Amino acid sequence: QFQPEFELDEAVKFAESLDMPLTVLSYDILAHEEIARNSPERC
């Protein structure tokens, strides 16, 4: 949920332009309570 869709689109296009293999992993980052509560240690 932290990455906008355009970042994914541009990443896919760049990898394709180099003919490099790319795996896209979807992940629910907000399922982590310590991340969702947004403390200074979030990163």
ModelCIF file with pLDDT and N, C-alpha, C, O atoms, coordinates in Angstrom:
data_MODEL
#
_entry.id   MODEL 
#
_entity.id                         1 
_entity.type                       polymer 
_entity.pdbx_number_of_molecules   1 
#
_entity_poly.entity_id                      1 
_entity_poly.type                           'polypeptide(L)' 
_entity_poly.nstd_linkage                   no 
_entity_poly.nstd_monomer                   no 
_entity_poly.pdbx_seq_one_letter_code       QFQPEFELDEAVKFAESLDMPLTVLSYDILAHEEIARNSPERC 
_entity_poly.pdbx_seq_one_letter_code_can   QFQPEFELDEAVKFAESLDMPLTVLSYDILAHEEIARNSPERC 
_entity_poly.pdbx_strand_id                 A 
#
loop_
_entity_poly_seq.entity_id 
_entity_poly_seq.num 
_entity_poly_seq.mon_id 
_entity_poly_seq.hetero 
1 1  GLN n 
1 2  PHE n 
1 3  GLN n 
1 4  PRO n 
1 5  GLU n 
1 6  PHE n 
1 7  GLU n 
1 8  LEU n 
1 9  ASP n 
1 10 GLU n 
1 11 ALA n 
1 12 VAL n 
1 13 LYS n 
1 14 PHE n 
1 15 ALA n 
1 16 GLU n 
1 17 SER n 
1 18 LEU n 
1 19 ASP n 
1 20 MET n 
1 21 PRO n 
1 22 LEU n 
1 23 THR n 
1 24 VAL n 
1 25 LEU n 
1 26 SER n 
1 27 TYR n 
1 28 ASP n 
1 29 ILE n 
1 30 LEU n 
1 31 ALA n 
1 32 HIS n 
1 33 GLU n 
1 34 GLU n 
1 35 ILE n 
1 36 ALA n 
1 37 ARG n 
1 38 ASN n 
1 39 SER n 
1 40 PRO n 
1 41 GLU n 
1 42 ARG n 
1 43 CYS n 
#
_struct_asym.id          A 
_struct_asym.entity_id   1 
#
loop_
_ma_qa_metric.id 
_ma_qa_metric.mode 
_ma_qa_metric.name 
_ma_qa_metric.software_group_id 
_ma_qa_metric.type 
1 global pLDDT . pLDDT 
2 local  pLDDT . pLDDT 
#
_ma_qa_metric_global.metric_id      1 
_ma_qa_metric_global.metric_value   96.84 
_ma_qa_metric_global.model_id       1 
_ma_qa_metric_global.ordinal_id     1 
#
loop_
_ma_qa_metric_local.label_asym_id 
_ma_qa_metric_local.label_comp_id 
_ma_qa_metric_local.label_seq_id 
_ma_qa_metric_local.metric_id 
_ma_qa_metric_local.metric_value 
_ma_qa_metric_local.model_id 
_ma_qa_metric_local.ordinal_id 
A GLN 1  2 98.00 1 1  
A PHE 2  2 98.00 1 2  
A GLN 3  2 96.00 1 3  
A PRO 4  2 96.00 1 4  
A GLU 5  2 96.00 1 5  
A PHE 6  2 95.00 1 6  
A GLU 7  2 96.00 1 7  
A LEU 8  2 97.00 1 8  
A ASP 9  2 97.00 1 9  
A GLU 10 2 96.00 1 10 
A ALA 11 2 97.00 1 11 
A VAL 12 2 98.00 1 12 
A LYS 13 2 97.00 1 13 
A PHE 14 2 98.00 1 14 
A ALA 15 2 98.00 1 15 
A GLU 16 2 98.00 1 16 
A SER 17 2 97.00 1 17 
A LEU 18 2 97.00 1 18 
A ASP 19 2 98.00 1 19 
A MET 20 2 98.00 1 20 
A PRO 21 2 98.00 1 21 
A LEU 22 2 98.00 1 22 
A THR 23 2 98.00 1 23 
A VAL 24 2 98.00 1 24 
A LEU 25 2 98.00 1 25 
A SER 26 2 97.00 1 26 
A TYR 27 2 98.00 1 27 
A ASP 28 2 98.00 1 28 
A ILE 29 2 98.00 1 29 
A LEU 30 2 98.00 1 30 
A ALA 31 2 97.00 1 31 
A HIS 32 2 96.00 1 32 
A GLU 33 2 96.00 1 33 
A GLU 34 2 95.00 1 34 
A ILE 35 2 97.00 1 35 
A ALA 36 2 98.00 1 36 
A ARG 37 2 97.00 1 37 
A ASN 38 2 97.00 1 38 
A SER 39 2 95.00 1 39 
A PRO 40 2 93.00 1 40 
A GLU 41 2 94.00 1 41 
A ARG 42 2 95.00 1 42 
A CYS 43 2 94.00 1 43 
#
loop_
_atom_site.group_PDB 
_atom_site.id 
_atom_site.type_symbol 
_atom_site.label_atom_id 
_atom_site.label_alt_id 
_atom_site.label_comp_id 
_atom_site.label_asym_id 
_atom_site.label_entity_id 
_atom_site.label_seq_id 
_atom_site.pdbx_PDB_ins_code 
_atom_site.Cartn_x 
_atom_site.Cartn_y 
_atom_site.Cartn_z 
_atom_site.occupancy 
_atom_site.B_iso_or_equiv 
_atom_site.pdbx_formal_charge 
_atom_site.auth_seq_id 
_atom_site.auth_comp_id 
_atom_site.auth_asym_id 
_atom_site.auth_atom_id 
_atom_site.pdbx_PDB_model_num 
ATOM 1   N N  . GLN A 1 1  ? 0.824  -1.215  0.000   1.00 98.00 ? 1  GLN A N  1 
ATOM 2   C CA . GLN A 1 1  ? 0.000  0.000   0.000   1.00 98.00 ? 1  GLN A CA 1 
ATOM 3   C C  . GLN A 1 1  ? 0.859  1.267   0.000   1.00 98.00 ? 1  GLN A C  1 
ATOM 4   O O  . GLN A 1 1  ? 0.347  2.372   -0.176  1.00 98.00 ? 1  GLN A O  1 
ATOM 5   N N  . PHE A 1 2  ? 2.164  1.097   0.198   1.00 98.00 ? 2  PHE A N  1 
ATOM 6   C CA . PHE A 1 2  ? 3.058  2.255   0.262   1.00 98.00 ? 2  PHE A CA 1 
ATOM 7   C C  . PHE A 1 2  ? 3.568  2.698   -1.103  1.00 98.00 ? 2  PHE A C  1 
ATOM 8   O O  . PHE A 1 2  ? 4.095  3.802   -1.237  1.00 98.00 ? 2  PHE A O  1 
ATOM 9   N N  . GLN A 1 3  ? 3.415  1.844   -2.122  1.00 96.00 ? 3  GLN A N  1 
ATOM 10  C CA . GLN A 1 3  ? 3.911  2.184   -3.458  1.00 96.00 ? 3  GLN A CA 1 
ATOM 11  C C  . GLN A 1 3  ? 2.743  2.551   -4.376  1.00 96.00 ? 3  GLN A C  1 
ATOM 12  O O  . GLN A 1 3  ? 1.808  1.764   -4.523  1.00 96.00 ? 3  GLN A O  1 
ATOM 13  N N  . PRO A 1 4  ? 2.783  3.732   -4.992  1.00 96.00 ? 4  PRO A N  1 
ATOM 14  C CA . PRO A 1 4  ? 1.735  4.073   -5.966  1.00 96.00 ? 4  PRO A CA 1 
ATOM 15  C C  . PRO A 1 4  ? 1.830  3.187   -7.195  1.00 96.00 ? 4  PRO A C  1 
ATOM 16  O O  . PRO A 1 4  ? 2.884  2.624   -7.491  1.00 96.00 ? 4  PRO A O  1 
ATOM 17  N N  . GLU A 1 5  ? 0.729  3.069   -7.899  1.00 96.00 ? 5  GLU A N  1 
ATOM 18  C CA . GLU A 1 5  ? 0.676  2.172   -9.053  1.00 96.00 ? 5  GLU A CA 1 
ATOM 19  C C  . GLU A 1 5  ? 1.673  2.573   -10.137 1.00 96.00 ? 5  GLU A C  1 
ATOM 20  O O  . GLU A 1 5  ? 2.214  1.710   -10.828 1.00 96.00 ? 5  GLU A O  1 
ATOM 21  N N  . PHE A 1 6  ? 1.919  3.871   -10.291 1.00 95.00 ? 6  PHE A N  1 
ATOM 22  C CA . PHE A 1 6  ? 2.806  4.286   -11.380 1.00 95.00 ? 6  PHE A CA 1 
ATOM 23  C C  . PHE A 1 6  ? 4.237  3.795   -11.155 1.00 95.00 ? 6  PHE A C  1 
ATOM 24  O O  . PHE A 1 6  ? 4.975  3.568   -12.114 1.00 95.00 ? 6  PHE A O  1 
ATOM 25  N N  . GLU A 1 7  ? 4.631  3.631   -9.875  1.00 96.00 ? 7  GLU A N  1 
ATOM 26  C CA . GLU A 1 7  ? 5.971  3.136   -9.601  1.00 96.00 ? 7  GLU A CA 1 
ATOM 27  C C  . GLU A 1 7  ? 6.125  1.698   -10.106 1.00 96.00 ? 7  GLU A C  1 
ATOM 28  O O  . GLU A 1 7  ? 7.158  1.336   -10.670 1.00 96.00 ? 7  GLU A O  1 
ATOM 29  N N  . LEU A 1 8  ? 5.098  0.894   -9.897  1.00 97.00 ? 8  LEU A N  1 
ATOM 30  C CA . LEU A 1 8  ? 5.115  -0.471  -10.411 1.00 97.00 ? 8  LEU A CA 1 
ATOM 31  C C  . LEU A 1 8  ? 5.159  -0.475  -11.936 1.00 97.00 ? 8  LEU A C  1 
ATOM 32  O O  . LEU A 1 8  ? 5.940  -1.212  -12.537 1.00 97.00 ? 8  LEU A O  1 
ATOM 33  N N  . ASP A 1 9  ? 4.321  0.346   -12.559 1.00 97.00 ? 9  ASP A N  1 
ATOM 34  C CA . ASP A 1 9  ? 4.281  0.404   -14.023 1.00 97.00 ? 9  ASP A CA 1 
ATOM 35  C C  . ASP A 1 9  ? 5.650  0.773   -14.597 1.00 97.00 ? 9  ASP A C  1 
ATOM 36  O O  . ASP A 1 9  ? 6.114  0.162   -15.560 1.00 97.00 ? 9  ASP A O  1 
ATOM 37  N N  . GLU A 1 10 ? 6.289  1.779   -13.994 1.00 96.00 ? 10 GLU A N  1 
ATOM 38  C CA . GLU A 1 10 ? 7.588  2.224   -14.498 1.00 96.00 ? 10 GLU A CA 1 
ATOM 39  C C  . GLU A 1 10 ? 8.672  1.178   -14.248 1.00 96.00 ? 10 GLU A C  1 
ATOM 40  O O  . GLU A 1 10 ? 9.572  1.008   -15.070 1.00 96.00 ? 10 GLU A O  1 
ATOM 41  N N  . ALA A 1 11 ? 8.588  0.479   -13.117 1.00 97.00 ? 11 ALA A N  1 
ATOM 42  C CA . ALA A 1 11 ? 9.562  -0.576  -12.820 1.00 97.00 ? 11 ALA A CA 1 
ATOM 43  C C  . ALA A 1 11 ? 9.462  -1.697  -13.841 1.00 97.00 ? 11 ALA A C  1 
ATOM 44  O O  . ALA A 1 11 ? 10.478 -2.194  -14.328 1.00 97.00 ? 11 ALA A O  1 
ATOM 45  N N  . VAL A 1 12 ? 8.235  -2.095  -14.166 1.00 98.00 ? 12 VAL A N  1 
ATOM 46  C CA . VAL A 1 12 ? 8.021  -3.163  -15.154 1.00 98.00 ? 12 VAL A CA 1 
ATOM 47  C C  . VAL A 1 12 ? 8.585  -2.747  -16.511 1.00 98.00 ? 12 VAL A C  1 
ATOM 48  O O  . VAL A 1 12 ? 9.260  -3.533  -17.175 1.00 98.00 ? 12 VAL A O  1 
ATOM 49  N N  . LYS A 1 13 ? 8.306  -1.513  -16.918 1.00 97.00 ? 13 LYS A N  1 
ATOM 50  C CA . LYS A 1 13 ? 8.788  -1.040  -18.226 1.00 97.00 ? 13 LYS A CA 1 
ATOM 51  C C  . LYS A 1 13 ? 10.307 -0.987  -18.281 1.00 97.00 ? 13 LYS A C  1 
ATOM 52  O O  . LYS A 1 13 ? 10.910 -1.333  -19.297 1.00 97.00 ? 13 LYS A O  1 
ATOM 53  N N  . PHE A 1 14 ? 10.928 -0.552  -17.180 1.00 98.00 ? 14 PHE A N  1 
ATOM 54  C CA . PHE A 1 14 ? 12.388 -0.449  -17.191 1.00 98.00 ? 14 PHE A CA 1 
ATOM 55  C C  . PHE A 1 14 ? 13.026 -1.830  -17.258 1.00 98.00 ? 14 PHE A C  1 
ATOM 56  O O  . PHE A 1 14 ? 13.964 -2.045  -18.025 1.00 98.00 ? 14 PHE A O  1 
ATOM 57  N N  . ALA A 1 15 ? 12.522 -2.765  -16.460 1.00 98.00 ? 15 ALA A N  1 
ATOM 58  C CA . ALA A 1 15 ? 13.064 -4.129  -16.493 1.00 98.00 ? 15 ALA A CA 1 
ATOM 59  C C  . ALA A 1 15 ? 12.902 -4.733  -17.885 1.00 98.00 ? 15 ALA A C  1 
ATOM 60  O O  . ALA A 1 15 ? 13.804 -5.400  -18.391 1.00 98.00 ? 15 ALA A O  1 
ATOM 61  N N  . GLU A 1 16 ? 11.749 -4.496  -18.495 1.00 98.00 ? 16 GLU A N  1 
ATOM 62  C CA . GLU A 1 16 ? 11.516 -5.007  -19.848 1.00 98.00 ? 16 GLU A CA 1 
ATOM 63  C C  . GLU A 1 16 ? 12.478 -4.382  -20.851 1.00 98.00 ? 16 GLU A C  1 
ATOM 64  O O  . GLU A 1 16 ? 12.945 -5.054  -21.769 1.00 98.00 ? 16 GLU A O  1 
ATOM 65  N N  . SER A 1 17 ? 12.774 -3.090  -20.675 1.00 97.00 ? 17 SER A N  1 
ATOM 66  C CA . SER A 1 17 ? 13.678 -2.411  -21.609 1.00 97.00 ? 17 SER A CA 1 
ATOM 67  C C  . SER A 1 17 ? 15.084 -2.996  -21.557 1.00 97.00 ? 17 SER A C  1 
ATOM 68  O O  . SER A 1 17 ? 15.816 -2.940  -22.545 1.00 97.00 ? 17 SER A O  1 
ATOM 69  N N  . LEU A 1 18 ? 15.465 -3.556  -20.414 1.00 97.00 ? 18 LEU A N  1 
ATOM 70  C CA . LEU A 1 18 ? 16.775 -4.193  -20.264 1.00 97.00 ? 18 LEU A CA 1 
ATOM 71  C C  . LEU A 1 18 ? 16.723 -5.690  -20.554 1.00 97.00 ? 18 LEU A C  1 
ATOM 72  O O  . LEU A 1 18 ? 17.750 -6.368  -20.591 1.00 97.00 ? 18 LEU A O  1 
ATOM 73  N N  . ASP A 1 19 ? 15.506 -6.188  -20.757 1.00 98.00 ? 19 ASP A N  1 
ATOM 74  C CA . ASP A 1 19 ? 15.302 -7.627  -20.920 1.00 98.00 ? 19 ASP A CA 1 
ATOM 75  C C  . ASP A 1 19 ? 15.811 -8.387  -19.699 1.00 98.00 ? 19 ASP A C  1 
ATOM 76  O O  . ASP A 1 19 ? 16.465 -9.424  -19.813 1.00 98.00 ? 19 ASP A O  1 
ATOM 77  N N  . MET A 1 20 ? 15.487 -7.834  -18.519 1.00 98.00 ? 20 MET A N  1 
ATOM 78  C CA . MET A 1 20 ? 15.857 -8.473  -17.258 1.00 98.00 ? 20 MET A CA 1 
ATOM 79  C C  . MET A 1 20 ? 14.608 -9.062  -16.611 1.00 98.00 ? 20 MET A C  1 
ATOM 80  O O  . MET A 1 20 ? 13.559 -8.418  -16.622 1.00 98.00 ? 20 MET A O  1 
ATOM 81  N N  . PRO A 1 21 ? 14.688 -10.259 -16.053 1.00 98.00 ? 21 PRO A N  1 
ATOM 82  C CA . PRO A 1 21 ? 13.520 -10.880 -15.420 1.00 98.00 ? 21 PRO A CA 1 
ATOM 83  C C  . PRO A 1 21 ? 13.106 -10.132 -14.164 1.00 98.00 ? 21 PRO A C  1 
ATOM 84  O O  . PRO A 1 21 ? 13.949 -9.660  -13.402 1.00 98.00 ? 21 PRO A O  1 
ATOM 85  N N  . LEU A 1 22 ? 11.803 -10.031 -13.956 1.00 98.00 ? 22 LEU A N  1 
ATOM 86  C CA . LEU A 1 22 ? 11.253 -9.301  -12.810 1.00 98.00 ? 22 LEU A CA 1 
ATOM 87  C C  . LEU A 1 22 ? 10.139 -10.105 -12.160 1.00 98.00 ? 22 LEU A C  1 
ATOM 88  O O  . LEU A 1 22 ? 9.240  -10.604 -12.836 1.00 98.00 ? 22 LEU A O  1 
ATOM 89  N N  . THR A 1 23 ? 10.210 -10.222 -10.852 1.00 98.00 ? 23 THR A N  1 
ATOM 90  C CA . THR A 1 23 ? 9.135  -10.837 -10.079 1.00 98.00 ? 23 THR A CA 1 
ATOM 91  C C  . THR A 1 23 ? 8.463  -9.749  -9.250  1.00 98.00 ? 23 THR A C  1 
ATOM 92  O O  . THR A 1 23 ? 9.135  -9.008  -8.531  1.00 98.00 ? 23 THR A O  1 
ATOM 93  N N  . VAL A 1 24 ? 7.140  -9.653  -9.348  1.00 98.00 ? 24 VAL A N  1 
ATOM 94  C CA . VAL A 1 24 ? 6.370  -8.691  -8.549  1.00 98.00 ? 24 VAL A CA 1 
ATOM 95  C C  . VAL A 1 24 ? 5.701  -9.462  -7.411  1.00 98.00 ? 24 VAL A C  1 
ATOM 96  O O  . VAL A 1 24 ? 4.964  -10.420 -7.642  1.00 98.00 ? 24 VAL A O  1 
ATOM 97  N N  . LEU A 1 25 ? 5.971  -9.029  -6.190  1.00 98.00 ? 25 LEU A N  1 
ATOM 98  C CA . LEU A 1 25 ? 5.422  -9.661  -4.996  1.00 98.00 ? 25 LEU A CA 1 
ATOM 99  C C  . LEU A 1 25 ? 4.424  -8.710  -4.351  1.00 98.00 ? 25 LEU A C  1 
ATOM 100 O O  . LEU A 1 25 ? 4.808  -7.612  -3.949  1.00 98.00 ? 25 LEU A O  1 
ATOM 101 N N  . SER A 1 26 ? 3.166  -9.094  -4.239  1.00 97.00 ? 26 SER A N  1 
ATOM 102 C CA . SER A 1 26 ? 2.154  -8.277  -3.578  1.00 97.00 ? 26 SER A CA 1 
ATOM 103 C C  . SER A 1 26 ? 2.160  -8.601  -2.083  1.00 97.00 ? 26 SER A C  1 
ATOM 104 O O  . SER A 1 26 ? 2.246  -9.765  -1.692  1.00 97.00 ? 26 SER A O  1 
ATOM 105 N N  . TYR A 1 27 ? 2.070  -7.569  -1.262  1.00 98.00 ? 27 TYR A N  1 
ATOM 106 C CA . TYR A 1 27 ? 2.227  -7.784  0.182   1.00 98.00 ? 27 TYR A CA 1 
ATOM 107 C C  . TYR A 1 27 ? 1.386  -6.781  0.964   1.00 98.00 ? 27 TYR A C  1 
ATOM 108 O O  . TYR A 1 27 ? 1.400  -5.588  0.661   1.00 98.00 ? 27 TYR A O  1 
ATOM 109 N N  . ASP A 1 28 ? 0.658  -7.258  1.964   1.00 98.00 ? 28 ASP A N  1 
ATOM 110 C CA . ASP A 1 28 ? -0.157 -6.398  2.820   1.00 98.00 ? 28 ASP A CA 1 
ATOM 111 C C  . ASP A 1 28 ? 0.704  -5.888  3.971   1.00 98.00 ? 28 ASP A C  1 
ATOM 112 O O  . ASP A 1 28 ? 0.753  -6.499  5.039   1.00 98.00 ? 28 ASP A O  1 
ATOM 113 N N  . ILE A 1 29 ? 1.377  -4.774  3.748   1.00 98.00 ? 29 ILE A N  1 
ATOM 114 C CA . ILE A 1 29 ? 2.296  -4.232  4.744   1.00 98.00 ? 29 ILE A CA 1 
ATOM 115 C C  . ILE A 1 29 ? 1.557  -3.722  5.980   1.00 98.00 ? 29 ILE A C  1 
ATOM 116 O O  . ILE A 1 29 ? 2.127  -3.689  7.070   1.00 98.00 ? 29 ILE A O  1 
ATOM 117 N N  . LEU A 1 30 ? 0.291  -3.324  5.819   1.00 98.00 ? 30 LEU A N  1 
ATOM 118 C CA . LEU A 1 30 ? -0.471 -2.788  6.946   1.00 98.00 ? 30 LEU A CA 1 
ATOM 119 C C  . LEU A 1 30 ? -0.949 -3.880  7.894   1.00 98.00 ? 30 LEU A C  1 
ATOM 120 O O  . LEU A 1 30 ? -1.509 -3.590  8.951   1.00 98.00 ? 30 LEU A O  1 
ATOM 121 N N  . ALA A 1 31 ? -0.727 -5.139  7.514   1.00 97.00 ? 31 ALA A N  1 
ATOM 122 C CA . ALA A 1 31 ? -1.058 -6.236  8.426   1.00 97.00 ? 31 ALA A CA 1 
ATOM 123 C C  . ALA A 1 31 ? -0.110 -6.268  9.615   1.00 97.00 ? 31 ALA A C  1 
ATOM 124 O O  . ALA A 1 31 ? -0.399 -6.907  10.627  1.00 97.00 ? 31 ALA A O  1 
ATOM 125 N N  . HIS A 1 32 ? 1.020  -5.581  9.497   1.00 96.00 ? 32 HIS A N  1 
ATOM 126 C CA . HIS A 1 32 ? 1.965  -5.482  10.609  1.00 96.00 ? 32 HIS A CA 1 
ATOM 127 C C  . HIS A 1 32 ? 1.539  -4.320  11.510  1.00 96.00 ? 32 HIS A C  1 
ATOM 128 O O  . HIS A 1 32 ? 1.593  -3.161  11.099  1.00 96.00 ? 32 HIS A O  1 
ATOM 129 N N  . GLU A 1 33 ? 1.125  -4.626  12.716  1.00 96.00 ? 33 GLU A N  1 
ATOM 130 C CA . GLU A 1 33 ? 0.625  -3.586  13.623  1.00 96.00 ? 33 GLU A CA 1 
ATOM 131 C C  . GLU A 1 33 ? 1.671  -2.515  13.891  1.00 96.00 ? 33 GLU A C  1 
ATOM 132 O O  . GLU A 1 33 ? 1.345  -1.332  13.983  1.00 96.00 ? 33 GLU A O  1 
ATOM 133 N N  . GLU A 1 34 ? 2.946  -2.935  14.018  1.00 95.00 ? 34 GLU A N  1 
ATOM 134 C CA . GLU A 1 34 ? 3.994  -1.965  14.346  1.00 95.00 ? 34 GLU A CA 1 
ATOM 135 C C  . GLU A 1 34 ? 4.235  -1.008  13.177  1.00 95.00 ? 34 GLU A C  1 
ATOM 136 O O  . GLU A 1 34 ? 4.757  0.089   13.373  1.00 95.00 ? 34 GLU A O  1 
ATOM 137 N N  . ILE A 1 35 ? 3.856  -1.420  11.961  1.00 97.00 ? 35 ILE A N  1 
ATOM 138 C CA . ILE A 1 35 ? 3.978  -0.527  10.804  1.00 97.00 ? 35 ILE A CA 1 
ATOM 139 C C  . ILE A 1 35 ? 2.740  0.358   10.679  1.00 97.00 ? 35 ILE A C  1 
ATOM 140 O O  . ILE A 1 35 ? 2.854  1.561   10.442  1.00 97.00 ? 35 ILE A O  1 
ATOM 141 N N  . ALA A 1 36 ? 1.568  -0.234  10.837  1.00 98.00 ? 36 ALA A N  1 
ATOM 142 C CA . ALA A 1 36 ? 0.319  0.517   10.689  1.00 98.00 ? 36 ALA A CA 1 
ATOM 143 C C  . ALA A 1 36 ? 0.187  1.624   11.723  1.00 98.00 ? 36 ALA A C  1 
ATOM 144 O O  . ALA A 1 36 ? -0.422 2.657   11.447  1.00 98.00 ? 36 ALA A O  1 
ATOM 145 N N  . ARG A 1 37 ? 0.749  1.423   12.908  1.00 97.00 ? 37 ARG A N  1 
ATOM 146 C CA . ARG A 1 37 ? 0.619  2.480   13.925  1.00 97.00 ? 37 ARG A CA 1 
ATOM 147 C C  . ARG A 1 37 ? 1.591  3.632   13.683  1.00 97.00 ? 37 ARG A C  1 
ATOM 148 O O  . ARG A 1 37 ? 1.493  4.675   14.330  1.00 97.00 ? 37 ARG A O  1 
ATOM 149 N N  . ASN A 1 38 ? 2.542  3.445   12.741  1.00 97.00 ? 38 ASN A N  1 
ATOM 150 C CA . ASN A 1 38 ? 3.356  4.543   12.224  1.00 97.00 ? 38 ASN A CA 1 
ATOM 151 C C  . ASN A 1 38 ? 4.250  5.189   13.288  1.00 97.00 ? 38 ASN A C  1 
ATOM 152 O O  . ASN A 1 38 ? 4.232  6.404   13.479  1.00 97.00 ? 38 ASN A O  1 
ATOM 153 N N  . SER A 1 39 ? 5.013  4.367   13.956  1.00 95.00 ? 39 SER A N  1 
ATOM 154 C CA . SER A 1 39 ? 5.980  4.883   14.930  1.00 95.00 ? 39 SER A CA 1 
ATOM 155 C C  . SER A 1 39 ? 7.231  5.346   14.198  1.00 95.00 ? 39 SER A C  1 
ATOM 156 O O  . SER A 1 39 ? 7.383  5.058   13.011  1.00 95.00 ? 39 SER A O  1 
ATOM 157 N N  . PRO A 1 40 ? 8.136  6.059   14.876  1.00 93.00 ? 40 PRO A N  1 
ATOM 158 C CA . PRO A 1 40 ? 9.387  6.475   14.230  1.00 93.00 ? 40 PRO A CA 1 
ATOM 159 C C  . PRO A 1 40 ? 10.236 5.306   13.733  1.00 93.00 ? 40 PRO A C  1 
ATOM 160 O O  . PRO A 1 40 ? 11.143 5.506   12.926  1.00 93.00 ? 40 PRO A O  1 
ATOM 161 N N  . GLU A 1 41 ? 9.953  4.088   14.204  1.00 94.00 ? 41 GLU A N  1 
ATOM 162 C CA . GLU A 1 41 ? 10.682 2.902   13.748  1.00 94.00 ? 41 GLU A CA 1 
ATOM 163 C C  . GLU A 1 41 ? 9.985  2.201   12.576  1.00 94.00 ? 41 GLU A C  1 
ATOM 164 O O  . GLU A 1 41 ? 10.366 1.092   12.202  1.00 94.00 ? 41 GLU A O  1 
ATOM 165 N N  . ARG A 1 42 ? 8.976  2.839   12.002  1.00 95.00 ? 42 ARG A N  1 
ATOM 166 C CA . ARG A 1 42 ? 8.215  2.233   10.905  1.00 95.00 ? 42 ARG A CA 1 
ATOM 167 C C  . ARG A 1 42 ? 9.128  1.736   9.778   1.00 95.00 ? 42 ARG A C  1 
ATOM 168 O O  . ARG A 1 42 ? 8.952  0.621   9.286   1.00 95.00 ? 42 ARG A O  1 
ATOM 169 N N  . CYS A 1 43 ? 10.090 2.550   9.372   1.00 94.00 ? 43 CYS A N  1 
ATOM 170 C CA . CYS A 1 43 ? 10.950 2.183   8.247   1.00 94.00 ? 43 CYS A CA 1 
ATOM 171 C C  . CYS A 1 43 ? 11.755 0.917   8.553   1.00 94.00 ? 43 CYS A C  1 
ATOM 172 O O  . CYS A 1 43 ? 12.534 0.463   7.715   1.00 94.00 ? 43 CYS A O  1 
#
